[in-house]
């Protein structure tokens, strides 16, 4: 009877590992009488479990080895290269077209307005407007979020795309991109301050700092980018030589094939 209890505890341990079928392939433990199981304290079972497993028959030890091999085979496998590539391409086609559109705004609209001394147009790009829907209660209470055109079309897409380069936390590439984005924000602050004073030279100097920051961001982002997508173009030294970006699909990843065709 004592042997019967010992063998049964070993069987229960296997059941706790979720290995009923694997263990049954080797041996089936005899049933434990109801009276014995009813009076056996749970703590006693826990204390005897280790010794019961050590005293298991060779066939049980073989069953445990079999289950260990099976568990290793069922372990979660790391993401495949295809999944990583898919993720990169999805983020690229979602955010890069918006970044390129924001780059167009920075060069073709902002720099052009600075050159002409059109400070009203410059100020309009920095003006924060509500993104809340009409008749929103948040807008009525003054709790709505307000952002500028430059934030919406340039800074936000750049910021969000950075998160796609994560590698179990922030990666070196993310930190470099963050630093370039911070430099761009500082340059935009400089442009806004110069525009408020009508200082064209200071505004151009800050704009050039921003151009350098954008190019640094693009250079870092392009490094290691899959060959299945087009490299992002930098802003040339002579801003007048800049060409407006080719329109790309931005609705969803379904349009990836169309975008690749456009790249070619």
C-alpha atoms as a PDB file:
ATOM      1  CA  UNK A   1       0.000   0.000   0.000  1.00  0.00           C
ATOM      2  CA  UNK A   2       2.850   2.428   0.816  1.00  0.00           C
ATOM      3  CA  UNK A   3       4.462   1.576  -2.524  1.00  0.00           C
ATOM      4  CA  UNK A   4       1.153   2.276  -4.266  1.00  0.00           C
ATOM      5  CA  UNK A   5       1.023   5.791  -2.760  1.00  0.00           C
ATOM      6  CA  UNK A   6       4.611   6.462  -3.760  1.00  0.00           C
ATOM      7  CA  UNK A   7       4.062   5.482  -7.385  1.00  0.00           C
ATOM      8  CA  UNK A   8       0.815   7.448  -7.552  1.00  0.00           C
ATOM      9  CA  UNK A   9       2.534  10.668  -6.394  1.00  0.00           C
ATOM     10  CA  UNK A  10       4.996  10.239  -9.241  1.00  0.00           C
ATOM     11  CA  UNK A  11       2.042   9.880 -11.599  1.00  0.00           C
ATOM     12  CA  UNK A  12       0.463  13.052 -10.205  1.00  0.00           C
ATOM     13  CA  UNK A  13       3.702  14.935 -10.790  1.00  0.00           C
ATOM     14  CA  UNK A  14       3.635  13.899 -14.422  1.00  0.00           C
ATOM     15  CA  UNK A  15       0.001  14.971 -14.665  1.00  0.00           C
ATOM     16  CA  UNK A  16       0.973  18.373 -13.197  1.00  0.00           C
ATOM     17  CA  UNK A  17       3.445  18.753 -16.069  1.00  0.00           C
ATOM     18  CA  UNK A  18       0.618  18.191 -18.526  1.00  0.00           C
ATOM     19  CA  UNK A  19       2.100  14.895 -19.691  1.00  0.00           C
ATOM     20  CA  UNK A  20      -0.699  12.388 -19.248  1.00  0.00           C
ATOM     21  CA  UNK A  21      -0.427  11.026 -22.768  1.00  0.00           C
ATOM     22  CA  UNK A  22       3.368  10.897 -22.771  1.00  0.00           C
ATOM     23  CA  UNK A  23       3.473   9.082 -19.467  1.00  0.00           C
ATOM     24  CA  UNK A  24       0.730   6.658 -20.517  1.00  0.00           C
ATOM     25  CA  UNK A  25       2.896   5.583 -23.421  1.00  0.00           C
ATOM     26  CA  UNK A  26       5.403   4.112 -20.963  1.00  0.00           C
ATOM     27  CA  UNK A  27       3.411   2.999 -17.901  1.00  0.00           C
ATOM     28  CA  UNK A  28       0.120   3.575 -16.118  1.00  0.00           C
ATOM     29  CA  UNK A  29       0.231   4.078 -12.316  1.00  0.00           C
ATOM     30  CA  UNK A  30      -2.223   2.098 -10.196  1.00  0.00           C
ATOM     31  CA  UNK A  31      -5.146   4.093  -8.788  1.00  0.00           C
ATOM     32  CA  UNK A  32      -4.930   5.540  -5.304  1.00  0.00           C
ATOM     33  CA  UNK A  33      -7.658   4.371  -2.893  1.00  0.00           C
ATOM     34  CA  UNK A  34     -10.174   7.060  -2.056  1.00  0.00           C
ATOM     35  CA  UNK A  35      -9.667   6.690   1.659  1.00  0.00           C
ATOM     36  CA  UNK A  36      -5.935   7.270   1.420  1.00  0.00           C
ATOM     37  CA  UNK A  37      -6.188  10.314  -0.859  1.00  0.00           C
ATOM     38  CA  UNK A  38      -8.871  11.859   1.287  1.00  0.00           C
ATOM     39  CA  UNK A  39      -6.776  11.862   4.442  1.00  0.00           C
ATOM     40  CA  UNK A  40      -3.387  12.673   2.899  1.00  0.00           C
ATOM     41  CA  UNK A  41      -2.502  16.380   3.599  1.00  0.00           C
ATOM     42  CA  UNK A  42      -1.475  18.487   0.620  1.00  0.00           C
ATOM     43  CA  UNK A  43       1.767  19.417   2.409  1.00  0.00           C
ATOM     44  CA  UNK A  44       2.729  15.786   2.686  1.00  0.00           C
ATOM     45  CA  UNK A  45       2.253  15.331  -1.035  1.00  0.00           C
ATOM     46  CA  UNK A  46       4.510  18.318  -1.697  1.00  0.00           C
ATOM     47  CA  UNK A  47       7.207  16.967   0.643  1.00  0.00           C
ATOM     48  CA  UNK A  48       7.139  13.495  -0.875  1.00  0.00           C
ATOM     49  CA  UNK A  49       7.068  14.620  -4.521  1.00  0.00           C
ATOM     50  CA  UNK A  50      10.814  15.070  -4.863  1.00  0.00           C
ATOM     51  CA  UNK A  51      11.665  11.712  -3.309  1.00  0.00           C
ATOM     52  CA  UNK A  52       8.940   9.963  -5.282  1.00  0.00           C
ATOM     53  CA  UNK A  53      10.397  11.255  -8.567  1.00  0.00           C
ATOM     54  CA  UNK A  54      13.893  10.162  -7.534  1.00  0.00           C
ATOM     55  CA  UNK A  55      12.563   6.693  -6.752  1.00  0.00           C
ATOM     56  CA  UNK A  56      10.679   6.450 -10.039  1.00  0.00           C
ATOM     57  CA  UNK A  57      11.125   3.396 -12.197  1.00  0.00           C
ATOM     58  CA  UNK A  58      13.465   3.548 -15.219  1.00  0.00           C
ATOM     59  CA  UNK A  59      10.443   3.696 -17.494  1.00  0.00           C
ATOM     60  CA  UNK A  60       9.226   6.808 -15.675  1.00  0.00           C
ATOM     61  CA  UNK A  61      12.606   8.450 -15.953  1.00  0.00           C
ATOM     62  CA  UNK A  62      12.487   7.709 -19.679  1.00  0.00           C
ATOM     63  CA  UNK A  63       9.037   9.287 -19.826  1.00  0.00           C
ATOM     64  CA  UNK A  64      10.342  12.449 -18.175  1.00  0.00           C
ATOM     65  CA  UNK A  65      13.214  12.599 -20.676  1.00  0.00           C
ATOM     66  CA  UNK A  66      10.752  12.161 -23.519  1.00  0.00           C
ATOM     67  CA  UNK A  67       8.595  14.988 -22.189  1.00  0.00           C
ATOM     68  CA  UNK A  68      11.586  17.299 -21.767  1.00  0.00           C
ATOM     69  CA  UNK A  69      12.526  16.802 -25.411  1.00  0.00           C
ATOM     70  CA  UNK A  70       8.934  17.433 -26.453  1.00  0.00           C
ATOM     71  CA  UNK A  71       8.753  20.619 -24.384  1.00  0.00           C
ATOM     72  CA  UNK A  72      11.940  21.914 -26.007  1.00  0.00           C
ATOM     73  CA  UNK A  73      10.400  21.301 -29.406  1.00  0.00           C
ATOM     74  CA  UNK A  74       7.297  23.272 -28.438  1.00  0.00           C
ATOM     75  CA  UNK A  75       9.255  26.257 -27.094  1.00  0.00           C
ATOM     76  CA  UNK A  76       8.425  29.637 -28.647  1.00  0.00           C
ATOM     77  CA  UNK A  77      10.700  30.289 -31.578  1.00  0.00           C
ATOM     78  CA  UNK A  78      12.107  33.764 -32.336  1.00  0.00           C
ATOM     79  CA  UNK A  79      10.429  35.830 -35.040  1.00  0.00           C
ATOM     80  CA  UNK A  80      11.541  34.880 -38.508  1.00  0.00           C
ATOM     81  CA  UNK A  81      13.449  37.217 -40.802  1.00  0.00           C
ATOM     82  CA  UNK A  82      10.352  37.502 -42.999  1.00  0.00           C
ATOM     83  CA  UNK A  83       8.298  38.830 -40.094  1.00  0.00           C
ATOM     84  CA  UNK A  84      10.977  41.386 -39.279  1.00  0.00           C
ATOM     85  CA  UNK A  85      11.108  42.468 -42.901  1.00  0.00           C
ATOM     86  CA  UNK A  86       7.331  42.727 -43.015  1.00  0.00           C
ATOM     87  CA  UNK A  87       7.298  44.905 -39.926  1.00  0.00           C
ATOM     88  CA  UNK A  88       9.978  47.204 -41.324  1.00  0.00           C
ATOM     89  CA  UNK A  89       8.187  47.589 -44.644  1.00  0.00           C
ATOM     90  CA  UNK A  90       4.833  48.232 -42.981  1.00  0.00           C
ATOM     91  CA  UNK A  91       6.300  51.034 -40.850  1.00  0.00           C
ATOM     92  CA  UNK A  92       8.181  52.444 -43.846  1.00  0.00           C
ATOM     93  CA  UNK A  93       5.132  52.756 -46.080  1.00  0.00           C
ATOM     94  CA  UNK A  94       3.033  54.101 -43.233  1.00  0.00           C
ATOM     95  CA  UNK A  95       5.335  56.911 -42.076  1.00  0.00           C
ATOM     96  CA  UNK A  96       7.970  57.697 -44.723  1.00  0.00           C
ATOM     97  CA  UNK A  97       5.487  59.218 -47.209  1.00  0.00           C
ATOM     98  CA  UNK A  98       4.347  61.552 -44.418  1.00  0.00           C
ATOM     99  CA  UNK A  99       7.922  62.421 -43.511  1.00  0.00           C
ATOM    100  CA  UNK A 100       8.664  63.223 -47.151  1.00  0.00           C
ATOM    101  CA  UNK A 101       5.564  65.413 -47.310  1.00  0.00           C
ATOM    102  CA  UNK A 102       6.756  67.215 -44.174  1.00  0.00           C
ATOM    103  CA  UNK A 103      10.199  67.628 -45.733  1.00  0.00           C
ATOM    104  CA  UNK A 104       8.495  69.250 -48.738  1.00  0.00           C
ATOM    105  CA  UNK A 105       6.765  71.659 -46.359  1.00  0.00           C
ATOM    106  CA  UNK A 106      10.059  72.483 -44.634  1.00  0.00           C
ATOM    107  CA  UNK A 107      11.847  73.271 -47.907  1.00  0.00           C
ATOM    108  CA  UNK A 108       9.265  74.435 -50.420  1.00  0.00           C
ATOM    109  CA  UNK A 109       6.999  76.362 -48.065  1.00  0.00           C
ATOM    110  CA  UNK A 110       8.958  77.355 -44.961  1.00  0.00           C
ATOM    111  CA  UNK A 111      12.261  78.253 -46.618  1.00  0.00           C
ATOM    112  CA  UNK A 112      10.490  80.016 -49.450  1.00  0.00           C
ATOM    113  CA  UNK A 113       8.485  82.129 -46.969  1.00  0.00           C
ATOM    114  CA  UNK A 114      11.679  83.003 -45.066  1.00  0.00           C
ATOM    115  CA  UNK A 115      13.419  84.066 -48.283  1.00  0.00           C
ATOM    116  CA  UNK A 116      10.528  86.342 -49.153  1.00  0.00           C
ATOM    117  CA  UNK A 117      10.263  87.709 -45.629  1.00  0.00           C
ATOM    118  CA  UNK A 118       6.659  86.532 -45.496  1.00  0.00           C
ATOM    119  CA  UNK A 119       6.531  86.303 -41.715  1.00  0.00           C
ATOM    120  CA  UNK A 120       2.777  85.882 -41.682  1.00  0.00           C
ATOM    121  CA  UNK A 121       3.108  82.665 -43.713  1.00  0.00           C
ATOM    122  CA  UNK A 122       5.918  81.492 -41.437  1.00  0.00           C
ATOM    123  CA  UNK A 123       3.842  82.174 -38.343  1.00  0.00           C
ATOM    124  CA  UNK A 124       0.927  80.223 -39.837  1.00  0.00           C
ATOM    125  CA  UNK A 125       3.054  77.069 -39.985  1.00  0.00           C
ATOM    126  CA  UNK A 126       3.800  77.397 -36.266  1.00  0.00           C
ATOM    127  CA  UNK A 127       0.281  78.310 -35.238  1.00  0.00           C
ATOM    128  CA  UNK A 128      -1.235  75.666 -32.993  1.00  0.00           C
ATOM    129  CA  UNK A 129      -4.758  74.678 -33.957  1.00  0.00           C
ATOM    130  CA  UNK A 130      -7.157  72.284 -32.299  1.00  0.00           C
ATOM    131  CA  UNK A 131      -7.375  68.732 -33.591  1.00  0.00           C
ATOM    132  CA  UNK A 132     -10.686  68.125 -31.804  1.00  0.00           C
ATOM    133  CA  UNK A 133     -13.850  67.561 -33.804  1.00  0.00           C
ATOM    134  CA  UNK A 134     -16.414  70.301 -34.144  1.00  0.00           C
ATOM    135  CA  UNK A 135     -18.760  70.669 -31.159  1.00  0.00           C
ATOM    136  CA  UNK A 136     -16.305  68.693 -29.040  1.00  0.00           C
ATOM    137  CA  UNK A 137     -16.793  69.098 -25.285  1.00  0.00           C
ATOM    138  CA  UNK A 138     -13.010  69.173 -24.840  1.00  0.00           C
ATOM    139  CA  UNK A 139     -12.748  72.162 -27.163  1.00  0.00           C
ATOM    140  CA  UNK A 140     -15.514  73.948 -25.248  1.00  0.00           C
ATOM    141  CA  UNK A 141     -13.648  73.373 -21.993  1.00  0.00           C
ATOM    142  CA  UNK A 142     -10.279  74.315 -23.446  1.00  0.00           C
ATOM    143  CA  UNK A 143      -8.920  70.780 -22.973  1.00  0.00           C
ATOM    144  CA  UNK A 144      -8.442  69.959 -26.644  1.00  0.00           C
ATOM    145  CA  UNK A 145      -5.017  69.184 -28.072  1.00  0.00           C
ATOM    146  CA  UNK A 146      -3.510  71.861 -30.287  1.00  0.00           C
ATOM    147  CA  UNK A 147      -0.671  71.249 -32.718  1.00  0.00           C
ATOM    148  CA  UNK A 148       0.999  73.181 -35.510  1.00  0.00           C
ATOM    149  CA  UNK A 149       1.206  72.263 -39.169  1.00  0.00           C
ATOM    150  CA  UNK A 150       4.926  71.505 -38.827  1.00  0.00           C
ATOM    151  CA  UNK A 151       4.237  69.198 -35.885  1.00  0.00           C
ATOM    152  CA  UNK A 152       1.486  67.325 -37.708  1.00  0.00           C
ATOM    153  CA  UNK A 153       3.225  66.933 -41.052  1.00  0.00           C
ATOM    154  CA  UNK A 154       6.885  66.618 -40.056  1.00  0.00           C
ATOM    155  CA  UNK A 155       7.734  66.154 -36.386  1.00  0.00           C
ATOM    156  CA  UNK A 156       5.064  63.613 -35.428  1.00  0.00           C
ATOM    157  CA  UNK A 157       5.710  61.175 -38.323  1.00  0.00           C
ATOM    158  CA  UNK A 158       9.439  61.388 -37.627  1.00  0.00           C
ATOM    159  CA  UNK A 159       8.869  60.700 -33.928  1.00  0.00           C
ATOM    160  CA  UNK A 160       6.534  57.753 -34.481  1.00  0.00           C
ATOM    161  CA  UNK A 161       8.755  56.115 -37.105  1.00  0.00           C
ATOM    162  CA  UNK A 162      11.611  56.052 -34.601  1.00  0.00           C
ATOM    163  CA  UNK A 163       9.694  53.498 -32.517  1.00  0.00           C
ATOM    164  CA  UNK A 164       9.838  50.966 -35.373  1.00  0.00           C
ATOM    165  CA  UNK A 165      13.592  50.582 -34.823  1.00  0.00           C
ATOM    166  CA  UNK A 166      13.195  49.181 -31.290  1.00  0.00           C
ATOM    167  CA  UNK A 167      15.388  46.216 -30.291  1.00  0.00           C
ATOM    168  CA  UNK A 168      14.254  44.986 -26.860  1.00  0.00           C
ATOM    169  CA  UNK A 169      14.172  48.552 -25.583  1.00  0.00           C
ATOM    170  CA  UNK A 170      15.710  51.601 -27.184  1.00  0.00           C
ATOM    171  CA  UNK A 171      18.321  50.738 -29.787  1.00  0.00           C
ATOM    172  CA  UNK A 172      21.438  52.799 -30.672  1.00  0.00           C
ATOM    173  CA  UNK A 173      19.697  53.746 -33.924  1.00  0.00           C
ATOM    174  CA  UNK A 174      16.668  55.029 -32.019  1.00  0.00           C
ATOM    175  CA  UNK A 175      18.829  57.161 -29.756  1.00  0.00           C
ATOM    176  CA  UNK A 176      20.619  58.701 -32.740  1.00  0.00           C
ATOM    177  CA  UNK A 177      17.314  59.467 -34.448  1.00  0.00           C
ATOM    178  CA  UNK A 178      15.946  60.989 -31.234  1.00  0.00           C
ATOM    179  CA  UNK A 179      19.003  63.249 -31.000  1.00  0.00           C
ATOM    180  CA  UNK A 180      18.525  64.468 -34.584  1.00  0.00           C
ATOM    181  CA  UNK A 181      14.849  65.115 -33.953  1.00  0.00           C
ATOM    182  CA  UNK A 182      15.685  67.117 -30.832  1.00  0.00           C
ATOM    183  CA  UNK A 183      18.100  69.231 -32.913  1.00  0.00           C
ATOM    184  CA  UNK A 184      15.347  69.851 -35.458  1.00  0.00           C
ATOM    185  CA  UNK A 185      12.941  70.987 -32.742  1.00  0.00           C
ATOM    186  CA  UNK A 186      15.573  73.419 -31.454  1.00  0.00           C
ATOM    187  CA  UNK A 187      16.102  74.767 -34.976  1.00  0.00           C
ATOM    188  CA  UNK A 188      12.366  75.296 -35.424  1.00  0.00           C
ATOM    189  CA  UNK A 189      12.253  77.213 -32.153  1.00  0.00           C
ATOM    190  CA  UNK A 190      15.023  79.405 -33.545  1.00  0.00           C
ATOM    191  CA  UNK A 191      13.125  80.014 -36.768  1.00  0.00           C
ATOM    192  CA  UNK A 192       9.990  80.958 -34.881  1.00  0.00           C
ATOM    193  CA  UNK A 193      11.879  83.366 -32.631  1.00  0.00           C
ATOM    194  CA  UNK A 194      13.656  84.994 -35.584  1.00  0.00           C
ATOM    195  CA  UNK A 195      10.409  85.282 -37.535  1.00  0.00           C
ATOM    196  CA  UNK A 196       8.742  87.086 -34.643  1.00  0.00           C
ATOM    197  CA  UNK A 197      11.473  89.728 -34.906  1.00  0.00           C
ATOM    198  CA  UNK A 198      11.554  89.791 -38.691  1.00  0.00           C
ATOM    199  CA  UNK A 199      15.212  88.694 -38.621  1.00  0.00           C
ATOM    200  CA  UNK A 200      15.750  87.028 -41.974  1.00  0.00           C
ATOM    201  CA  UNK A 201      19.422  86.126 -41.472  1.00  0.00           C
ATOM    202  CA  UNK A 202      18.782  84.485 -38.097  1.00  0.00           C
ATOM    203  CA  UNK A 203      15.822  82.600 -39.537  1.00  0.00           C
ATOM    204  CA  UNK A 204      17.926  81.276 -42.420  1.00  0.00           C
ATOM    205  CA  UNK A 205      20.687  80.235 -40.032  1.00  0.00           C
ATOM    206  CA  UNK A 206      18.218  78.291 -37.904  1.00  0.00           C
ATOM    207  CA  UNK A 207      16.643  76.795 -41.028  1.00  0.00           C
ATOM    208  CA  UNK A 208      20.060  75.523 -42.135  1.00  0.00           C
ATOM    209  CA  UNK A 209      20.533  73.935 -38.709  1.00  0.00           C
ATOM    210  CA  UNK A 210      17.193  72.235 -39.175  1.00  0.00           C
ATOM    211  CA  UNK A 211      18.192  71.041 -42.647  1.00  0.00           C
ATOM    212  CA  UNK A 212      21.315  69.479 -41.172  1.00  0.00           C
ATOM    213  CA  UNK A 213      19.230  67.763 -38.487  1.00  0.00           C
ATOM    214  CA  UNK A 214      16.766  66.378 -41.043  1.00  0.00           C
ATOM    215  CA  UNK A 215      19.595  65.107 -43.241  1.00  0.00           C
ATOM    216  CA  UNK A 216      21.232  63.486 -40.222  1.00  0.00           C
ATOM    217  CA  UNK A 217      17.961  61.797 -39.341  1.00  0.00           C
ATOM    218  CA  UNK A 218      17.526  60.548 -42.912  1.00  0.00           C
ATOM    219  CA  UNK A 219      21.116  59.307 -43.135  1.00  0.00           C
ATOM    220  CA  UNK A 220      20.720  57.340 -39.897  1.00  0.00           C
ATOM    221  CA  UNK A 221      17.347  55.926 -40.962  1.00  0.00           C
ATOM    222  CA  UNK A 222      18.672  54.866 -44.386  1.00  0.00           C
ATOM    223  CA  UNK A 223      21.553  52.914 -42.857  1.00  0.00           C
ATOM    224  CA  UNK A 224      20.694  49.220 -42.873  1.00  0.00           C
ATOM    225  CA  UNK A 225      17.338  49.810 -44.558  1.00  0.00           C
ATOM    226  CA  UNK A 226      16.130  46.883 -46.639  1.00  0.00           C
ATOM    227  CA  UNK A 227      16.894  47.045 -50.355  1.00  0.00           C
ATOM    228  CA  UNK A 228      13.213  46.383 -51.075  1.00  0.00           C
ATOM    229  CA  UNK A 229      12.373  50.018 -50.381  1.00  0.00           C
ATOM    230  CA  UNK A 230      13.750  53.271 -51.728  1.00  0.00           C
ATOM    231  CA  UNK A 231      16.299  55.256 -49.764  1.00  0.00           C
ATOM    232  CA  UNK A 232      14.992  58.588 -48.485  1.00  0.00           C
ATOM    233  CA  UNK A 233      16.515  61.599 -50.228  1.00  0.00           C
ATOM    234  CA  UNK A 234      18.293  64.300 -48.241  1.00  0.00           C
ATOM    235  CA  UNK A 235      17.838  68.044 -48.677  1.00  0.00           C
ATOM    236  CA  UNK A 236      20.562  69.415 -51.006  1.00  0.00           C
ATOM    237  CA  UNK A 237      22.880  72.224 -49.951  1.00  0.00           C
ATOM    238  CA  UNK A 238      21.165  74.482 -52.478  1.00  0.00           C
ATOM    239  CA  UNK A 239      17.548  74.301 -51.386  1.00  0.00           C
ATOM    240  CA  UNK A 240      16.446  75.596 -54.800  1.00  0.00           C
ATOM    241  CA  UNK A 241      17.644  72.305 -56.329  1.00  0.00           C
ATOM    242  CA  UNK A 242      15.246  70.386 -54.119  1.00  0.00           C
ATOM    243  CA  UNK A 243      12.561  68.425 -55.965  1.00  0.00           C
ATOM    244  CA  UNK A 244       9.158  67.708 -54.503  1.00  0.00           C
ATOM    245  CA  UNK A 245       8.665  64.123 -53.355  1.00  0.00           C
ATOM    246  CA  UNK A 246       6.923  61.617 -55.567  1.00  0.00           C
ATOM    247  CA  UNK A 247       3.497  60.818 -54.140  1.00  0.00           C
ATOM    248  CA  UNK A 248       3.289  57.384 -52.537  1.00  0.00           C
ATOM    249  CA  UNK A 249       0.345  55.394 -51.139  1.00  0.00           C
ATOM    250  CA  UNK A 250      -0.122  56.057 -47.423  1.00  0.00           C
ATOM    251  CA  UNK A 251      -3.430  54.318 -46.701  1.00  0.00           C
ATOM    252  CA  UNK A 252      -2.283  50.851 -45.717  1.00  0.00           C
ATOM    253  CA  UNK A 253       0.288  48.104 -46.135  1.00  0.00           C
ATOM    254  CA  UNK A 254      -1.917  46.656 -48.888  1.00  0.00           C
ATOM    255  CA  UNK A 255      -0.505  49.354 -51.175  1.00  0.00           C
ATOM    256  CA  UNK A 256       3.073  48.188 -50.618  1.00  0.00           C
ATOM    257  CA  UNK A 257       3.288  46.628 -54.078  1.00  0.00           C
ATOM    258  CA  UNK A 258       2.157  49.859 -55.686  1.00  0.00           C
ATOM    259  CA  UNK A 259       4.704  51.848 -53.710  1.00  0.00           C
ATOM    260  CA  UNK A 260       7.557  49.508 -54.662  1.00  0.00           C
ATOM    261  CA  UNK A 261       6.532  49.817 -58.304  1.00  0.00           C
ATOM    262  CA  UNK A 262       6.630  53.605 -57.960  1.00  0.00           C
ATOM    263  CA  UNK A 263      10.084  53.402 -56.388  1.00  0.00           C
ATOM    264  CA  UNK A 264      11.364  51.533 -59.414  1.00  0.00           C
END
